[in-house]
Amino acid sequence: MKKEELAINIFKEAQKALKNKKLDVAKEKFENIIRLTEDSHLWLYFEACFGLVEVYIEKEDYKSAMDSAFKALLHAPNQGMYLLGVERVRSVLAIIKKSGRLSDLTDSFHKIKEKEDKNEELKTNELKNILYSLLKS
């Protein structure tokens, strides 16, 4: 079986585990996908990172959720996927803000600022606007 097919099968298993609230199983499977696809098949890597985001949101580990989301953005295979990721980040941040735990993310915001200087993709105004609007309100 090809690496991509294996990753897709594991992804399906991870989604099923997440749906059934088997969060540790889902987390392990998404992490496997990330290891399998970090050098290729970036669209699967991207989706696995956002799968981890869902796991961490369920566990109320918002810092890890944002770290996974930013990891996905850094590895987005193209501009379209990047913009999709930005919209997902917007939704995740809204959930975190609603829970009153936005202050948990201070370190994550600093990390993205550091990476922004090194990665041209992250210099898009979409992500900056989301972060700044959340911090102001």
Protein backbone atom coordinates (compact mmCIF):
# COMPACT_ATOMS: atom_id res chain seq x y z
CA MET A 1 0.00 0.00 0.00
CA LYS A 2 1.28 3.45 -0.89
CA LYS A 3 2.06 5.94 1.85
CA GLU A 4 -0.78 8.22 0.71
CA GLU A 5 -3.34 5.39 0.74
CA LEU A 6 -2.19 4.31 4.18
CA ALA A 7 -2.47 7.88 5.47
CA ILE A 8 -5.98 8.21 3.99
CA ASN A 9 -7.09 4.98 5.68
CA ILE A 10 -5.65 6.13 9.01
CA PHE A 11 -7.37 9.49 8.50
CA LYS A 12 -10.74 7.77 8.12
CA GLU A 13 -10.07 5.79 11.30
CA ALA A 14 -9.06 8.98 13.12
CA GLN A 15 -12.24 10.76 12.04
CA LYS A 16 -14.34 7.81 13.22
CA ALA A 17 -12.53 7.77 16.59
CA LEU A 18 -13.08 11.53 16.95
CA LYS A 19 -16.78 11.17 16.13
CA ASN A 20 -17.05 8.43 18.79
CA LYS A 21 -15.24 10.66 21.33
CA LYS A 22 -12.25 8.30 21.50
CA LEU A 23 -9.99 11.31 21.71
CA ASP A 24 -6.73 9.58 22.60
CA VAL A 25 -7.15 7.12 19.72
CA ALA A 26 -7.96 9.96 17.31
CA LYS A 27 -4.98 11.98 18.54
CA GLU A 28 -2.60 9.07 18.01
CA LYS A 29 -3.92 8.44 14.51
CA PHE A 30 -3.72 12.10 13.46
CA GLU A 31 -0.15 12.22 14.81
CA ASN A 32 0.67 9.11 12.73
CA ILE A 33 -0.65 10.83 9.62
CA ILE A 34 1.48 13.88 10.35
CA ARG A 35 4.59 11.68 10.65
CA LEU A 36 3.72 9.81 7.44
CA THR A 37 3.05 12.93 5.37
CA GLU A 38 5.46 15.58 6.67
CA ASP A 39 7.68 15.30 3.58
CA SER A 40 4.93 14.74 1.03
CA HIS A 41 1.16 14.83 0.62
CA LEU A 42 0.91 18.18 2.36
CA TRP A 43 -2.85 18.31 1.95
CA LEU A 44 -3.10 15.25 4.25
CA TYR A 45 -0.63 16.80 6.67
CA PHE A 46 -2.73 19.97 6.70
CA GLU A 47 -5.98 18.06 7.35
CA ALA A 48 -4.36 15.90 10.05
CA CYS A 49 -3.18 19.03 11.85
CA PHE A 50 -6.73 20.36 11.84
CA GLY A 51 -7.94 16.94 13.00
CA LEU A 52 -5.66 17.39 16.00
CA VAL A 53 -7.16 20.84 16.48
CA GLU A 54 -10.58 19.21 16.86
CA VAL A 55 -9.21 16.69 19.37
CA TYR A 56 -7.60 19.44 21.42
CA ILE A 57 -10.75 21.57 21.33
CA GLU A 58 -12.71 18.61 22.70
CA LYS A 59 -10.10 18.23 25.45
CA GLU A 60 -10.17 22.00 26.09
CA ASP A 61 -6.42 22.15 25.44
CA TYR A 62 -6.63 25.39 23.49
CA LYS A 63 -2.92 26.12 23.40
CA SER A 64 -2.22 22.77 21.70
CA ALA A 65 -5.16 23.37 19.36
CA MET A 66 -3.70 26.67 18.19
CA ASP A 67 -0.20 25.23 17.90
CA SER A 68 -1.60 22.52 15.59
CA ALA A 69 -3.57 25.09 13.60
CA PHE A 70 -0.48 27.25 13.08
CA LYS A 71 1.51 24.15 12.10
CA ALA A 72 -1.13 23.45 9.44
CA LEU A 73 -0.91 27.03 8.14
CA LEU A 74 2.87 26.82 7.91
CA HIS A 75 2.57 23.69 5.77
CA ALA A 76 -0.42 24.64 3.65
CA PRO A 77 0.27 23.28 0.16
CA ASN A 78 -1.14 26.31 -1.65
CA GLN A 79 -2.80 29.68 -1.15
CA GLY A 80 -6.31 28.23 -1.31
CA MET A 81 -5.62 25.74 1.46
CA TYR A 82 -3.90 28.47 3.45
CA LEU A 83 -6.97 30.70 3.24
CA LEU A 84 -9.18 27.76 4.22
CA GLY A 85 -6.91 27.26 7.22
CA VAL A 86 -7.19 30.93 8.15
CA GLU A 87 -10.98 30.59 8.20
CA ARG A 88 -10.69 27.51 10.38
CA VAL A 89 -8.41 29.42 12.74
CA ARG A 90 -11.04 32.15 12.93
CA SER A 91 -13.62 29.58 14.03
CA VAL A 92 -11.28 27.99 16.56
CA LEU A 93 -10.40 31.37 18.05
CA ALA A 94 -14.08 32.23 18.34
CA ILE A 95 -14.64 29.01 20.31
CA ILE A 96 -11.70 29.77 22.56
CA LYS A 97 -12.81 33.35 23.07
CA LYS A 98 -16.34 32.23 23.94
CA SER A 99 -14.87 29.92 26.60
CA GLY A 100 -13.08 32.90 28.15
CA ARG A 101 -9.67 31.31 27.68
CA LEU A 102 -8.13 33.52 25.01
CA SER A 103 -5.40 34.54 27.46
CA ASP A 104 -4.14 30.92 27.36
CA LEU A 105 -2.85 31.64 23.87
CA THR A 106 -0.32 34.39 24.54
CA ASP A 107 2.63 32.08 23.79
CA SER A 108 1.00 30.85 20.59
CA PHE A 109 0.51 34.42 19.35
CA HIS A 110 4.18 35.14 19.98
CA LYS A 111 5.19 31.99 18.08
CA ILE A 112 3.12 32.96 15.06
CA LYS A 113 4.64 36.44 15.09
CA GLU A 114 8.15 34.94 15.06
CA LYS A 115 7.24 32.55 12.23
CA GLU A 116 5.53 35.34 10.33
CA ASP A 117 8.89 37.03 9.85
CA LYS A 118 10.36 33.83 8.36
CA ASN A 119 7.45 32.73 6.20
CA GLU A 120 5.99 34.97 3.51
CA GLU A 121 2.70 33.01 3.49
CA LEU A 122 1.96 34.16 7.01
CA LYS A 123 2.25 37.80 6.09
CA THR A 124 -1.26 37.77 4.71
CA ASN A 125 -3.57 40.30 6.23
CA GLU A 126 -6.32 37.74 6.82
CA LEU A 127 -4.54 36.08 9.74
CA LYS A 128 -3.26 39.34 11.19
CA ASN A 129 -6.75 40.83 11.13
CA ILE A 130 -8.21 37.83 12.94
CA LEU A 131 -5.58 37.92 15.66
CA TYR A 132 -5.73 41.67 16.18
CA SER A 133 -9.52 41.82 16.22
CA LEU A 134 -9.68 39.12 18.86
CA LEU A 135 -7.06 40.74 21.02
CA LYS A 136 -8.80 44.14 20.90
CA SER A 137 -12.28 42.89 21.81
